Amino acid sequence: MSYGKKVWIFPDAELPPVGANLIPGHESVIITNVGDQVANIKFTLLYTDKEPVSFTTQVEARRVRCLRTNKACDFGQFTAAFEEQYAIMLESDVPVVAQYGRAEPRTVNFYTTPGYCE
């Protein structure tokens, strides 16, 4: 039995700036691969005022991976800019479960969302 979907979309991405008490904001995409094969992941970032960009990564079999959008080791040259509105599309060659999380220090909130999947 396989769990997950191959396409996930997170329409409300934004790296929040430093907020109350100098708490840094952050956001991440968490991918769980419960299958027996490596998941080859293609990310496409869609912006309000510029062309989309894409990059690839992998999630090993039976593993979870948390990708921080402001870390070059995770998002490469496409790291998120503070307060830039964009959307994230994740496409995998095997089913995965994906979730988006954001620490919002301007209002001292943290939330996650599973996004839209097919």
N, C-alpha and C. Protein backbone atom coordinates (compact mmCIF):
# COMPACT_ATOMS: atom_id res chain seq x y z
N MET A 1 0.84 -1.18 0.00
CA MET A 1 0.00 0.00 0.00
C MET A 1 0.89 1.25 0.00
N SER A 2 0.54 2.21 -0.81
CA SER A 2 1.31 3.46 -0.82
C SER A 2 0.49 4.57 -0.17
N TYR A 3 1.18 5.46 0.49
CA TYR A 3 0.55 6.60 1.15
C TYR A 3 1.04 7.87 0.49
N GLY A 4 0.17 8.83 0.38
CA GLY A 4 0.56 10.13 -0.14
C GLY A 4 0.07 10.38 -1.54
N LYS A 5 0.55 11.49 -2.08
CA LYS A 5 0.19 11.94 -3.42
C LYS A 5 1.46 12.40 -4.13
N LYS A 6 1.36 12.57 -5.44
CA LYS A 6 2.53 12.97 -6.23
C LYS A 6 2.63 14.47 -6.47
N VAL A 7 1.53 15.20 -6.31
CA VAL A 7 1.54 16.65 -6.53
C VAL A 7 0.94 17.34 -5.32
N TRP A 8 1.67 18.33 -4.81
CA TRP A 8 1.21 19.13 -3.67
C TRP A 8 1.40 20.61 -4.00
N ILE A 9 0.42 21.44 -3.63
CA ILE A 9 0.51 22.88 -3.86
C ILE A 9 0.23 23.62 -2.56
N PHE A 10 1.11 24.55 -2.24
CA PHE A 10 0.97 25.40 -1.06
C PHE A 10 0.85 26.84 -1.57
N PRO A 11 -0.37 27.37 -1.64
CA PRO A 11 -0.59 28.66 -2.29
C PRO A 11 -0.19 29.88 -1.47
N ASP A 12 0.02 29.76 -0.18
CA ASP A 12 0.28 30.93 0.66
C ASP A 12 1.63 30.81 1.35
N ALA A 13 2.70 31.01 0.59
CA ALA A 13 4.04 30.98 1.17
C ALA A 13 4.55 32.41 1.32
N GLU A 14 5.23 32.66 2.43
CA GLU A 14 5.85 33.96 2.70
C GLU A 14 6.77 33.80 3.89
N LEU A 15 8.03 34.16 3.72
CA LEU A 15 8.98 34.10 4.82
C LEU A 15 8.79 35.35 5.67
N PRO A 16 8.29 35.21 6.91
CA PRO A 16 8.04 36.39 7.74
C PRO A 16 9.34 36.99 8.28
N PRO A 17 9.35 38.29 8.50
CA PRO A 17 10.54 38.94 9.05
C PRO A 17 10.63 38.70 10.56
N VAL A 18 11.68 39.24 11.16
CA VAL A 18 11.82 39.18 12.61
C VAL A 18 10.62 39.88 13.24
N GLY A 19 10.11 39.31 14.32
CA GLY A 19 8.91 39.86 14.92
C GLY A 19 9.09 40.25 16.37
N ALA A 20 8.08 40.02 17.15
CA ALA A 20 8.06 40.39 18.57
C ALA A 20 9.25 39.79 19.29
N ASN A 21 9.89 40.58 20.15
CA ASN A 21 11.03 40.14 20.95
C ASN A 21 12.18 39.59 20.11
N LEU A 22 12.32 40.10 18.89
CA LEU A 22 13.38 39.71 17.96
C LEU A 22 13.35 38.23 17.60
N ILE A 23 12.18 37.62 17.66
CA ILE A 23 12.02 36.22 17.28
C ILE A 23 12.06 36.13 15.75
N PRO A 24 12.97 35.33 15.18
CA PRO A 24 13.02 35.22 13.72
C PRO A 24 11.87 34.38 13.19
N GLY A 25 11.33 34.80 12.06
CA GLY A 25 10.31 34.00 11.40
C GLY A 25 10.97 32.91 10.58
N HIS A 26 10.24 31.85 10.31
CA HIS A 26 10.76 30.84 9.39
C HIS A 26 9.60 30.09 8.76
N GLU A 27 9.91 29.44 7.67
CA GLU A 27 8.94 28.57 7.01
C GLU A 27 9.68 27.36 6.47
N SER A 28 8.94 26.28 6.31
CA SER A 28 9.56 25.05 5.82
C SER A 28 8.53 24.19 5.13
N VAL A 29 9.03 23.29 4.30
CA VAL A 29 8.21 22.25 3.68
C VAL A 29 8.73 20.93 4.22
N ILE A 30 7.82 20.14 4.77
CA ILE A 30 8.19 18.86 5.36
C ILE A 30 7.63 17.76 4.46
N ILE A 31 8.49 16.84 4.04
CA ILE A 31 8.10 15.77 3.12
C ILE A 31 8.38 14.43 3.80
N THR A 32 7.37 13.58 3.82
CA THR A 32 7.51 12.23 4.36
C THR A 32 7.37 11.22 3.23
N ASN A 33 8.35 10.36 3.12
CA ASN A 33 8.35 9.31 2.11
C ASN A 33 8.32 7.97 2.85
N VAL A 34 7.15 7.34 2.92
CA VAL A 34 7.04 6.06 3.62
C VAL A 34 7.27 4.87 2.69
N GLY A 35 7.50 5.15 1.41
CA GLY A 35 7.70 4.09 0.44
C GLY A 35 9.10 3.48 0.47
N ASP A 36 9.30 2.50 -0.41
CA ASP A 36 10.57 1.78 -0.49
C ASP A 36 11.52 2.34 -1.54
N GLN A 37 11.13 3.42 -2.24
CA GLN A 37 11.97 4.03 -3.27
C GLN A 37 12.30 5.48 -2.89
N VAL A 38 13.45 5.95 -3.34
CA VAL A 38 13.80 7.36 -3.18
C VAL A 38 12.76 8.20 -3.92
N ALA A 39 12.33 9.29 -3.32
CA ALA A 39 11.41 10.23 -3.96
C ALA A 39 12.23 11.34 -4.62
N ASN A 40 12.09 11.48 -5.92
CA ASN A 40 12.72 12.57 -6.66
C ASN A 40 11.70 13.70 -6.73
N ILE A 41 12.06 14.82 -6.14
CA ILE A 41 11.12 15.92 -5.94
C ILE A 41 11.51 17.10 -6.82
N LYS A 42 10.53 17.66 -7.52
CA LYS A 42 10.73 18.90 -8.27
C LYS A 42 9.90 19.98 -7.57
N PHE A 43 10.55 21.06 -7.16
CA PHE A 43 9.87 22.22 -6.61
C PHE A 43 9.74 23.27 -7.71
N THR A 44 8.58 23.89 -7.82
CA THR A 44 8.40 25.06 -8.66
C THR A 44 7.86 26.16 -7.77
N LEU A 45 8.53 27.31 -7.78
CA LEU A 45 8.12 28.47 -6.99
C LEU A 45 7.45 29.46 -7.93
N LEU A 46 6.22 29.86 -7.60
CA LEU A 46 5.44 30.78 -8.42
C LEU A 46 5.30 32.10 -7.68
N TYR A 47 5.62 33.19 -8.36
CA TYR A 47 5.65 34.50 -7.72
C TYR A 47 4.55 35.41 -8.25
N THR A 48 4.31 36.50 -7.55
CA THR A 48 3.30 37.47 -7.99
C THR A 48 3.82 38.36 -9.11
N ASP A 49 5.14 38.57 -9.18
CA ASP A 49 5.66 39.57 -10.10
C ASP A 49 6.89 39.14 -10.90
N LYS A 50 7.20 37.83 -10.94
CA LYS A 50 8.32 37.36 -11.75
C LYS A 50 8.05 35.92 -12.19
N GLU A 51 8.85 35.46 -13.12
CA GLU A 51 8.67 34.13 -13.69
C GLU A 51 8.94 33.02 -12.66
N PRO A 52 8.25 31.89 -12.79
CA PRO A 52 8.50 30.76 -11.89
C PRO A 52 9.93 30.23 -12.03
N VAL A 53 10.43 29.60 -10.96
CA VAL A 53 11.73 28.94 -10.98
C VAL A 53 11.55 27.52 -10.43
N SER A 54 12.43 26.63 -10.84
CA SER A 54 12.33 25.23 -10.40
C SER A 54 13.69 24.70 -9.97
N PHE A 55 13.65 23.72 -9.07
CA PHE A 55 14.84 22.99 -8.65
C PHE A 55 14.41 21.62 -8.16
N THR A 56 15.37 20.72 -8.01
CA THR A 56 15.05 19.35 -7.61
C THR A 56 15.81 18.97 -6.34
N THR A 57 15.25 17.98 -5.66
CA THR A 57 15.88 17.41 -4.48
C THR A 57 15.37 15.99 -4.32
N GLN A 58 15.80 15.30 -3.28
CA GLN A 58 15.36 13.93 -3.03
C GLN A 58 15.01 13.74 -1.56
N VAL A 59 14.14 12.76 -1.33
CA VAL A 59 13.84 12.30 0.02
C VAL A 59 14.04 10.78 -0.01
N GLU A 60 14.92 10.31 0.82
CA GLU A 60 15.23 8.87 0.85
C GLU A 60 14.00 8.05 1.23
N ALA A 61 14.02 6.77 0.90
CA ALA A 61 12.93 5.86 1.25
C ALA A 61 12.78 5.76 2.77
N ARG A 62 11.55 5.71 3.22
CA ARG A 62 11.20 5.57 4.64
C ARG A 62 11.87 6.65 5.50
N ARG A 63 11.84 7.90 4.99
CA ARG A 63 12.46 9.01 5.70
C ARG A 63 11.56 10.24 5.64
N VAL A 64 11.87 11.20 6.50
CA VAL A 64 11.21 12.50 6.49
C VAL A 64 12.30 13.55 6.27
N ARG A 65 11.95 14.61 5.57
CA ARG A 65 12.92 15.69 5.32
C ARG A 65 12.23 17.03 5.49
N CYS A 66 12.86 17.90 6.26
CA CYS A 66 12.35 19.25 6.49
C CYS A 66 13.24 20.21 5.71
N LEU A 67 12.65 20.94 4.78
CA LEU A 67 13.39 21.88 3.94
C LEU A 67 13.02 23.30 4.34
N ARG A 68 13.98 24.03 4.86
CA ARG A 68 13.77 25.43 5.23
C ARG A 68 13.92 26.30 4.00
N THR A 69 12.94 27.15 3.74
CA THR A 69 12.94 27.95 2.51
C THR A 69 14.01 29.03 2.50
N ASN A 70 14.58 29.38 3.64
CA ASN A 70 15.61 30.42 3.68
C ASN A 70 17.02 29.84 3.85
N LYS A 71 17.17 28.55 3.66
CA LYS A 71 18.47 27.89 3.80
C LYS A 71 18.96 27.42 2.43
N ALA A 72 20.14 27.90 2.03
CA ALA A 72 20.70 27.51 0.74
C ALA A 72 20.91 26.00 0.64
N CYS A 73 21.20 25.33 1.75
CA CYS A 73 21.40 23.88 1.73
C CYS A 73 20.11 23.14 1.36
N ASP A 74 18.94 23.79 1.52
CA ASP A 74 17.65 23.19 1.18
C ASP A 74 17.06 23.74 -0.12
N PHE A 75 17.07 25.07 -0.29
CA PHE A 75 16.43 25.71 -1.44
C PHE A 75 17.43 26.29 -2.44
N GLY A 76 18.72 26.04 -2.23
CA GLY A 76 19.73 26.50 -3.18
C GLY A 76 19.69 28.00 -3.41
N GLN A 77 19.86 28.38 -4.65
CA GLN A 77 19.86 29.81 -5.01
C GLN A 77 18.48 30.43 -4.95
N PHE A 78 17.46 29.64 -4.69
CA PHE A 78 16.09 30.15 -4.68
C PHE A 78 15.55 30.36 -3.26
N THR A 79 16.44 30.63 -2.32
CA THR A 79 15.99 30.87 -0.95
C THR A 79 15.00 32.01 -0.92
N ALA A 80 14.05 31.91 0.00
CA ALA A 80 12.97 32.89 0.10
C ALA A 80 13.48 34.23 0.62
N ALA A 81 12.88 35.29 0.13
CA ALA A 81 13.15 36.64 0.62
C ALA A 81 12.07 37.01 1.64
N PHE A 82 12.46 37.76 2.66
CA PHE A 82 11.49 38.16 3.68
C PHE A 82 10.31 38.90 3.05
N GLU A 83 9.10 38.50 3.46
CA GLU A 83 7.83 39.13 3.09
C GLU A 83 7.51 39.08 1.60
N GLU A 84 8.12 38.17 0.86
CA GLU A 84 7.79 38.00 -0.55
C GLU A 84 6.71 36.94 -0.68
N GLN A 85 5.60 37.30 -1.29
CA GLN A 85 4.48 36.37 -1.48
C GLN A 85 4.78 35.45 -2.66
N TYR A 86 4.61 34.15 -2.45
CA TYR A 86 4.80 33.18 -3.53
C TYR A 86 4.03 31.91 -3.20
N ALA A 87 4.01 30.99 -4.13
CA ALA A 87 3.37 29.69 -3.94
C ALA A 87 4.39 28.61 -4.26
N ILE A 88 4.18 27.44 -3.69
CA ILE A 88 5.10 26.31 -3.86
C ILE A 88 4.33 25.15 -4.48
N MET A 89 4.85 24.61 -5.58
CA MET A 89 4.31 23.38 -6.15
C MET A 89 5.39 22.31 -6.03
N LEU A 90 5.02 21.17 -5.50
CA LEU A 90 5.93 20.05 -5.28
C LEU A 90 5.43 18.89 -6.13
N GLU A 91 6.30 18.33 -6.97
CA GLU A 91 5.94 17.18 -7.79
C GLU A 91 6.93 16.06 -7.48
N SER A 92 6.41 14.87 -7.22
CA SER A 92 7.25 13.72 -6.86
C SER A 92 6.99 12.57 -7.82
N ASP A 93 8.01 11.75 -8.04
CA ASP A 93 7.82 10.58 -8.90
C ASP A 93 7.22 9.39 -8.15
N VAL A 94 7.15 9.47 -6.83
CA VAL A 94 6.47 8.46 -6.02
C VAL A 94 5.57 9.20 -5.02
N PRO A 95 4.53 8.56 -4.49
CA PRO A 95 3.67 9.25 -3.53
C PRO A 95 4.41 9.65 -2.26
N VAL A 96 4.17 10.87 -1.81
CA VAL A 96 4.74 11.40 -0.56
C VAL A 96 3.64 12.17 0.16
N VAL A 97 3.87 12.43 1.43
CA VAL A 97 2.99 13.31 2.20
C VAL A 97 3.77 14.58 2.47
N ALA A 98 3.17 15.74 2.19
CA ALA A 98 3.87 17.00 2.34
C ALA A 98 3.05 17.97 3.19
N GLN A 99 3.76 18.84 3.85
CA GLN A 99 3.14 19.81 4.75
C GLN A 99 3.97 21.09 4.71
N TYR A 100 3.29 22.22 4.84
CA TYR A 100 3.95 23.52 4.89
C TYR A 100 3.79 24.07 6.31
N GLY A 101 4.85 24.63 6.84
CA GLY A 101 4.77 25.22 8.18
C GLY A 101 5.41 26.60 8.19
N ARG A 102 4.84 27.49 8.98
CA ARG A 102 5.40 28.85 9.09
C ARG A 102 5.31 29.32 10.53
N ALA A 103 6.43 29.82 11.05
CA ALA A 103 6.44 30.49 12.35
C ALA A 103 6.25 31.97 12.05
N GLU A 104 5.20 32.53 12.55
CA GLU A 104 4.81 33.91 12.26
C GLU A 104 5.02 34.75 13.50
N PRO A 105 6.21 35.32 13.69
CA PRO A 105 6.52 36.04 14.92
C PRO A 105 5.86 37.41 15.04
N ARG A 106 5.30 37.94 13.93
CA ARG A 106 4.63 39.24 14.02
C ARG A 106 3.39 39.13 14.90
N THR A 107 2.80 37.93 14.90
CA THR A 107 1.62 37.70 15.74
C THR A 107 1.86 36.55 16.71
N VAL A 108 3.08 36.08 16.79
CA VAL A 108 3.50 34.98 17.66
C VAL A 108 2.62 33.75 17.45
N ASN A 109 2.55 33.32 16.20
CA ASN A 109 1.78 32.14 15.83
C ASN A 109 2.66 31.17 15.04
N PHE A 110 2.28 29.92 15.08
CA PHE A 110 2.89 28.92 14.22
C PHE A 110 1.77 28.09 13.65
N TYR A 111 1.83 27.85 12.36
CA TYR A 111 0.79 27.02 11.79
C TYR A 111 1.37 26.14 10.71
N THR A 112 0.65 25.06 10.43
CA THR A 112 1.01 24.15 9.36
C THR A 112 -0.24 23.90 8.52
N THR A 113 -0.01 23.49 7.29
CA THR A 113 -1.12 23.15 6.42
C THR A 113 -0.68 22.03 5.48
N PRO A 114 -1.58 21.08 5.20
CA PRO A 114 -1.21 20.00 4.29
C PRO A 114 -1.23 20.42 2.83
N GLY A 115 -1.81 21.57 2.48
CA GLY A 115 -1.86 22.00 1.08
C GLY A 115 -2.85 21.23 0.27
N TYR A 116 -2.88 21.50 -1.01
CA TYR A 116 -3.74 20.82 -1.97
C TYR A 116 -2.92 19.70 -2.60
N CYS A 117 -3.53 18.53 -2.79
CA CYS A 117 -2.78 17.43 -3.38
C CYS A 117 -3.61 16.65 -4.40
N GLU A 118 -2.93 16.00 -5.31
CA GLU A 118 -3.56 15.13 -6.29
C GLU A 118 -2.72 13.88 -6.48
